[in-house]
Amino acid sequence: MTYAIVAIIVLLFIITVASFYFYHMAVARAAKHFMIDNPDLQAREQLEEAREAMNADQDWWRQQSFEPWEMTSTDGLRLRAYYLAAPVDSGKTAILAHGYTGNAMGMSSYARMYYERLGYHVLVPDARGHGQSEGSYIGFGWPERKDYLQWIQRAIEVHGQNTQIILHGVSMGGATVMMTSGENLPANVKAVVEDCGYTSVKDELSFQLKRMYRLPRFPLLHTTSLLAKLRAGYFFGEASALRQVKKSQIPTLFIHGADDSFVPTDMVHSVYEHSPVEKELYIVPGAGHAEAYQADPEKYEHVVTQFIERFVK
């Protein structure tokens, strides 16, 4: 056996091991320790007051009498969601989508906004692979888009054919609602609010591979993508919010922090520019990743309310 062949075998072995490591780190349902000390996700000192408000919103969440909803996904997973009916039936439902490694309670601030300030019914799923939902992998919004089609239908079954629905997601949830928007949605879905979602899984993981490990996308991203296809059912390249947005027929509000270094702010400009629907772009000065609401709650609520009220009557 020549040295060249040995070198190739060793290289393939290293790439294979690295692919399994990257899959476990990014896609598999497991503790994500790299998120804890990631400087791109560290809350800023000037948001101390906002963090106190978030704690109050989580306390509010715990005090509510959420009704547990369950369903079985098209691929056989038991999924859990939390439903809170408005005191007075407004005929309006907000379906929320949380971020990567989060759970439904992570959307407590947004749930409270829709419930208390806008009078909506609120439905907040645990994404597959998160919280109380089954799943051994994270879908980054791609398989979740089909799950949200089912949650939408469930809301229509409960509230009737005339109910009006808003989809609102943050981070991975933002990508989830963008990916959902490109599907054939019922007319009940009136608007989408996406907050700091990425253009595609391939783009986001490429960015993180370079930022965290100083590595190029080839070949590791491609081999890990193949592993994701075998284990989770999707290639990174097909999981594209950008491609779905191009097909969308749903008015969309795009929100992003001006200082987001986890999902680069450039990504929101790309999805916004390629969106063919009625749309609005809100860039929040001084906000990092998933900090737009906390950075300026009053302005955030005003922008969201003004936008969705153009389409929800």
Protein backbone atom coordinates (compact mmCIF):
# COMPACT_ATOMS: atom_id res chain seq x y z
CA MET A 1 0.00 0.00 0.00
CA THR A 2 1.50 3.30 -1.09
CA TYR A 3 1.86 6.35 1.13
CA ALA A 4 -0.67 8.19 -1.06
CA ILE A 5 -3.35 5.56 -0.43
CA VAL A 6 -2.60 5.54 3.29
CA ALA A 7 -2.85 9.33 3.37
CA ILE A 8 -6.22 9.22 1.59
CA ILE A 9 -7.55 6.59 4.02
CA VAL A 10 -6.38 8.63 7.01
CA LEU A 11 -7.90 11.78 5.56
CA LEU A 12 -11.24 10.06 4.93
CA PHE A 13 -11.20 8.71 8.47
CA ILE A 14 -10.56 12.17 9.90
CA ILE A 15 -13.34 13.70 7.80
CA THR A 16 -15.76 10.96 8.85
CA VAL A 17 -14.99 11.41 12.54
CA ALA A 18 -15.25 15.18 12.18
CA SER A 19 -18.61 14.83 10.40
CA PHE A 20 -20.05 12.74 13.22
CA TYR A 21 -18.73 15.26 15.73
CA PHE A 22 -20.24 18.22 13.86
CA TYR A 23 -23.54 16.37 13.43
CA HIS A 24 -23.68 15.64 17.15
CA MET A 25 -22.76 19.22 17.98
CA ALA A 26 -25.21 20.93 15.62
CA VAL A 27 -28.03 18.55 14.68
CA ALA A 28 -28.41 15.74 17.21
CA ARG A 29 -30.65 16.26 20.23
CA ALA A 30 -27.98 16.80 22.86
CA ALA A 31 -26.65 19.45 25.22
CA LYS A 32 -25.16 22.33 23.22
CA HIS A 33 -22.36 23.46 25.49
CA PHE A 34 -20.93 25.75 22.81
CA MET A 35 -24.02 27.96 23.19
CA ILE A 36 -23.32 28.76 26.84
CA ASP A 37 -20.09 30.74 26.47
CA ASN A 38 -20.63 31.90 22.90
CA PRO A 39 -19.78 35.64 22.89
CA ASP A 40 -22.27 36.19 20.05
CA LEU A 41 -25.07 35.14 22.41
CA GLN A 42 -24.01 36.95 25.57
CA ALA A 43 -26.68 39.38 26.80
CA ARG A 44 -25.50 42.98 26.83
CA GLU A 45 -25.19 44.97 30.02
CA GLN A 46 -27.52 47.68 28.75
CA LEU A 47 -30.29 45.06 28.54
CA GLU A 48 -30.28 44.35 32.28
CA GLU A 49 -33.71 45.94 32.66
CA ALA A 50 -34.95 43.92 29.71
CA ARG A 51 -33.71 40.69 31.33
CA GLU A 52 -35.76 41.53 34.40
CA ALA A 53 -38.79 41.98 32.14
CA MET A 54 -38.09 38.58 30.56
CA ASN A 55 -38.00 36.98 34.00
CA ALA A 56 -41.36 38.61 34.74
CA ASP A 57 -42.75 37.21 31.48
CA GLN A 58 -41.59 33.73 32.43
CA ASP A 59 -43.28 34.13 35.80
CA TRP A 60 -46.42 35.17 33.92
CA TRP A 61 -46.12 32.04 31.77
CA ARG A 62 -45.95 29.78 34.82
CA GLN A 63 -49.12 31.37 36.22
CA GLN A 64 -51.20 30.67 33.11
CA SER A 65 -53.45 27.67 32.68
CA PHE A 66 -52.10 26.42 29.37
CA GLU A 67 -53.98 23.59 27.74
CA PRO A 68 -51.58 20.89 26.49
CA TRP A 69 -52.07 20.03 22.84
CA GLU A 70 -50.53 16.98 21.24
CA MET A 71 -50.35 15.66 17.72
CA THR A 72 -48.47 13.06 15.73
CA SER A 73 -46.29 14.40 12.95
CA THR A 74 -46.44 12.98 9.43
CA ASP A 75 -43.32 10.96 10.24
CA GLY A 76 -44.65 9.57 13.50
CA LEU A 77 -43.28 11.87 16.23
CA ARG A 78 -45.39 12.89 19.21
CA LEU A 79 -45.30 16.67 19.35
CA ARG A 80 -46.40 18.89 22.21
CA ALA A 81 -47.73 22.46 22.20
CA TYR A 82 -49.14 24.87 24.77
CA TYR A 83 -52.44 26.61 24.07
CA LEU A 84 -53.89 29.60 25.90
CA ALA A 85 -57.36 30.77 24.92
CA ALA A 86 -58.03 34.50 24.97
CA PRO A 87 -60.55 35.59 27.66
CA VAL A 88 -62.83 36.78 24.86
CA ASP A 89 -62.80 34.95 21.54
CA SER A 90 -61.31 37.46 19.11
CA GLY A 91 -61.18 35.04 16.19
CA LYS A 92 -57.40 35.57 16.11
CA THR A 93 -54.64 33.09 16.89
CA ALA A 94 -50.88 33.63 17.12
CA ILE A 95 -48.78 30.53 16.52
CA LEU A 96 -45.26 31.09 17.81
CA ALA A 97 -41.96 29.38 17.01
CA HIS A 98 -39.02 29.29 19.43
CA GLY A 99 -35.31 29.20 18.72
CA TYR A 100 -32.51 26.65 18.54
CA THR A 101 -32.15 24.55 21.75
CA GLY A 102 -35.07 26.47 23.30
CA ASN A 103 -38.62 25.49 24.17
CA ALA A 104 -42.09 26.97 24.22
CA MET A 105 -41.54 28.96 27.42
CA GLY A 106 -38.73 30.79 25.69
CA MET A 107 -41.47 32.59 23.77
CA SER A 108 -43.18 33.82 26.94
CA SER A 109 -42.59 37.51 26.16
CA TYR A 110 -44.15 37.17 22.71
CA ALA A 111 -47.00 35.02 24.01
CA ARG A 112 -47.78 37.65 26.61
CA MET A 113 -47.71 40.40 23.99
CA TYR A 114 -50.25 38.64 21.79
CA TYR A 115 -52.42 37.46 24.67
CA GLU A 116 -52.54 40.51 26.94
CA ARG A 117 -51.96 43.41 24.57
CA LEU A 118 -53.57 42.15 21.37
CA GLY A 119 -56.23 39.73 22.64
CA TYR A 120 -55.12 36.70 20.63
CA HIS A 121 -55.40 33.03 21.38
CA VAL A 122 -51.83 31.76 21.66
CA LEU A 123 -50.40 28.43 20.52
CA VAL A 124 -46.73 27.72 21.25
CA PRO A 125 -45.30 24.37 20.11
CA ASP A 126 -42.16 22.68 21.36
CA ALA A 127 -40.31 22.02 18.11
CA ARG A 128 -39.35 18.45 17.34
CA GLY A 129 -36.19 17.55 19.22
CA HIS A 130 -36.94 20.22 21.84
CA GLY A 131 -38.84 20.49 25.10
CA GLN A 132 -41.57 17.88 25.55
CA SER A 133 -41.72 16.95 21.86
CA GLU A 134 -40.17 13.77 20.54
CA GLY A 135 -37.33 13.70 18.06
CA SER A 136 -33.66 12.75 18.10
CA TYR A 137 -32.52 15.62 15.88
CA ILE A 138 -33.00 19.34 15.27
CA GLY A 139 -34.59 20.22 11.95
CA PHE A 140 -33.60 23.91 11.83
CA GLY A 141 -37.12 24.68 10.60
CA TRP A 142 -37.23 22.41 7.56
CA PRO A 143 -39.18 19.37 8.81
CA GLU A 144 -40.83 21.72 11.32
CA ARG A 145 -42.55 23.58 8.48
CA LYS A 146 -44.73 20.51 7.94
CA ASP A 147 -45.39 20.33 11.67
CA TYR A 148 -46.60 23.93 11.57
CA LEU A 149 -48.98 23.11 8.73
CA GLN A 150 -50.56 20.60 11.10
CA TRP A 151 -50.68 23.09 14.00
CA ILE A 152 -52.35 25.60 11.69
CA GLN A 153 -55.00 23.05 10.76
CA ARG A 154 -55.52 22.23 14.43
CA ALA A 155 -56.13 25.90 15.23
CA ILE A 156 -58.66 26.10 12.39
CA GLU A 157 -60.45 22.99 13.66
CA VAL A 158 -60.73 24.51 17.13
CA HIS A 159 -61.67 28.06 16.15
CA GLY A 160 -63.51 27.57 12.88
CA GLN A 161 -62.97 28.33 9.23
CA ASN A 162 -63.03 32.09 9.75
CA THR A 163 -60.26 32.27 12.32
CA GLN A 164 -57.30 34.49 11.46
CA ILE A 165 -53.75 33.31 12.14
CA ILE A 166 -50.38 35.01 12.61
CA LEU A 167 -47.10 33.10 12.54
CA HIS A 168 -44.30 34.65 14.62
CA GLY A 169 -40.89 33.06 15.09
CA VAL A 170 -37.52 34.04 16.54
CA SER A 171 -34.08 32.78 15.41
CA MET A 172 -34.60 29.16 14.30
CA GLY A 173 -38.28 29.95 14.80
CA GLY A 174 -37.91 32.86 12.38
CA ALA A 175 -36.48 30.47 9.80
CA THR A 176 -39.28 28.02 10.60
CA VAL A 177 -42.07 30.49 9.86
CA MET A 178 -40.30 31.66 6.69
CA MET A 179 -39.99 28.05 5.52
CA THR A 180 -43.64 27.50 6.38
CA SER A 181 -44.65 30.61 4.42
CA GLY A 182 -43.51 29.00 1.17
CA GLU A 183 -45.98 26.15 1.52
CA ASN A 184 -49.57 26.11 0.29
CA LEU A 185 -51.13 27.77 3.32
CA PRO A 186 -54.85 28.24 4.02
CA ALA A 187 -56.24 31.75 3.66
CA ASN A 188 -56.57 31.88 7.45
CA VAL A 189 -52.84 32.68 7.71
CA LYS A 190 -52.81 36.45 7.33
CA ALA A 191 -49.22 37.45 8.09
CA VAL A 192 -45.80 36.20 9.13
CA VAL A 193 -43.44 37.91 11.57
CA GLU A 194 -39.91 36.55 11.34
CA ASP A 195 -37.29 37.75 13.80
CA CYS A 196 -33.57 37.07 13.12
CA GLY A 197 -34.02 33.93 11.04
CA TYR A 198 -31.27 32.69 8.70
CA THR A 199 -31.32 32.39 4.92
CA SER A 200 -30.63 28.65 4.98
CA VAL A 201 -29.20 25.95 7.20
CA LYS A 202 -26.26 25.64 4.80
CA ASP A 203 -25.50 29.36 5.06
CA GLU A 204 -25.81 29.49 8.85
CA LEU A 205 -23.72 26.38 9.51
CA SER A 206 -21.11 27.55 7.00
CA PHE A 207 -20.91 30.85 8.84
CA GLN A 208 -20.57 29.14 12.23
CA LEU A 209 -18.01 26.64 10.91
CA LYS A 210 -15.81 29.51 9.81
CA ARG A 211 -16.46 31.72 12.84
CA MET A 212 -16.09 29.09 15.55
CA TYR A 213 -13.54 26.71 14.01
CA ARG A 214 -11.87 28.77 11.25
CA LEU A 215 -12.74 26.00 8.79
CA PRO A 216 -14.00 26.23 5.20
CA ARG A 217 -17.34 24.71 4.30
CA PHE A 218 -15.77 22.05 2.06
CA PRO A 219 -15.60 19.17 2.71
CA LEU A 220 -16.92 18.99 6.29
CA LEU A 221 -20.25 20.73 5.69
CA HIS A 222 -20.99 18.48 2.72
CA THR A 223 -20.17 15.23 4.51
CA THR A 224 -22.13 16.30 7.58
CA SER A 225 -25.04 17.24 5.32
CA LEU A 226 -25.00 13.72 3.90
CA LEU A 227 -25.03 12.36 7.45
CA ALA A 228 -27.98 14.63 8.27
CA LYS A 229 -29.83 13.26 5.25
CA LEU A 230 -29.26 9.70 6.41
CA ARG A 231 -30.13 10.34 10.06
CA ALA A 232 -32.55 13.28 10.01
CA GLY A 233 -33.99 13.13 6.51
CA TYR A 234 -32.73 16.39 5.01
CA PHE A 235 -29.70 17.91 3.31
CA PHE A 236 -28.55 21.27 4.65
CA GLY A 237 -28.88 22.81 1.19
CA GLU A 238 -32.56 21.97 0.80
CA ALA A 239 -33.45 23.61 4.13
CA SER A 240 -33.67 27.10 2.69
CA ALA A 241 -35.78 29.92 4.08
CA LEU A 242 -34.66 32.07 1.16
CA ARG A 243 -36.06 29.65 -1.41
CA GLN A 244 -39.31 29.33 0.53
CA VAL A 245 -39.69 33.10 0.91
CA LYS A 246 -39.49 33.46 -2.86
CA LYS A 247 -42.61 31.26 -3.13
CA SER A 248 -44.52 32.88 -0.28
CA GLN A 249 -47.85 34.60 -0.74
CA ILE A 250 -48.13 35.75 2.88
CA PRO A 251 -47.34 39.36 3.96
CA THR A 252 -44.16 39.27 6.01
CA LEU A 253 -42.50 41.51 8.57
CA PHE A 254 -38.74 40.96 8.70
CA ILE A 255 -36.99 41.92 11.96
CA HIS A 256 -33.29 41.75 12.84
CA GLY A 257 -30.85 43.20 15.33
CA ALA A 258 -28.33 45.58 13.78
CA ASP A 259 -25.54 44.03 15.87
CA ASP A 260 -26.43 40.36 15.35
CA SER A 261 -23.19 38.39 14.99
CA PHE A 262 -24.74 34.92 15.38
CA VAL A 263 -27.12 35.15 12.44
CA PRO A 264 -25.50 37.95 10.42
CA THR A 265 -27.74 40.93 9.76
CA ASP A 266 -26.91 40.66 6.05
CA MET A 267 -29.12 37.59 5.92
CA VAL A 268 -32.30 39.55 6.62
CA HIS A 269 -31.56 41.89 3.72
CA SER A 270 -31.29 38.89 1.43
CA VAL A 271 -34.64 37.34 2.40
CA TYR A 272 -36.32 40.74 2.41
CA GLU A 273 -35.09 41.64 -1.07
CA HIS A 274 -36.26 38.32 -2.50
CA SER A 275 -39.68 38.41 -0.86
CA PRO A 276 -42.39 39.05 -3.49
CA VAL A 277 -45.18 39.86 -1.03
CA GLU A 278 -46.28 42.90 0.95
CA LYS A 279 -43.45 43.32 3.41
CA GLU A 280 -41.67 45.52 5.90
CA LEU A 281 -38.13 45.55 7.29
CA TYR A 282 -37.35 46.57 10.87
CA ILE A 283 -33.69 46.72 11.87
CA VAL A 284 -33.24 47.32 15.60
CA PRO A 285 -30.21 49.48 16.50
CA GLY A 286 -27.91 48.04 19.16
CA ALA A 287 -29.65 44.65 19.28
CA GLY A 288 -27.71 41.41 19.10
CA HIS A 289 -29.13 38.01 18.26
CA ALA A 290 -32.75 37.56 19.38
CA GLU A 291 -32.56 40.83 21.31
CA ALA A 292 -34.80 42.98 19.13
CA TYR A 293 -37.82 42.84 21.45
CA GLN A 294 -35.76 43.32 24.60
CA ALA A 295 -33.78 46.22 23.12
CA ASP A 296 -36.88 48.34 22.48
CA PRO A 297 -40.10 46.61 23.61
CA GLU A 298 -42.37 49.59 22.97
CA LYS A 299 -41.14 50.13 19.42
CA TYR A 300 -41.15 46.39 18.71
CA GLU A 301 -44.76 46.00 19.81
CA HIS A 302 -45.76 49.09 17.82
CA VAL A 303 -44.10 47.85 14.62
CA VAL A 304 -45.56 44.35 14.94
CA THR A 305 -49.04 45.64 15.79
CA GLN A 306 -49.12 48.18 12.98
CA PHE A 307 -48.02 45.56 10.46
CA ILE A 308 -50.36 42.72 11.37
CA GLU A 309 -53.36 45.02 11.76
CA ARG A 310 -53.08 45.79 8.05
CA PHE A 311 -54.07 42.17 7.36
CA VAL A 312 -55.98 40.97 10.43
CA LYS A 313 -59.40 42.60 10.84
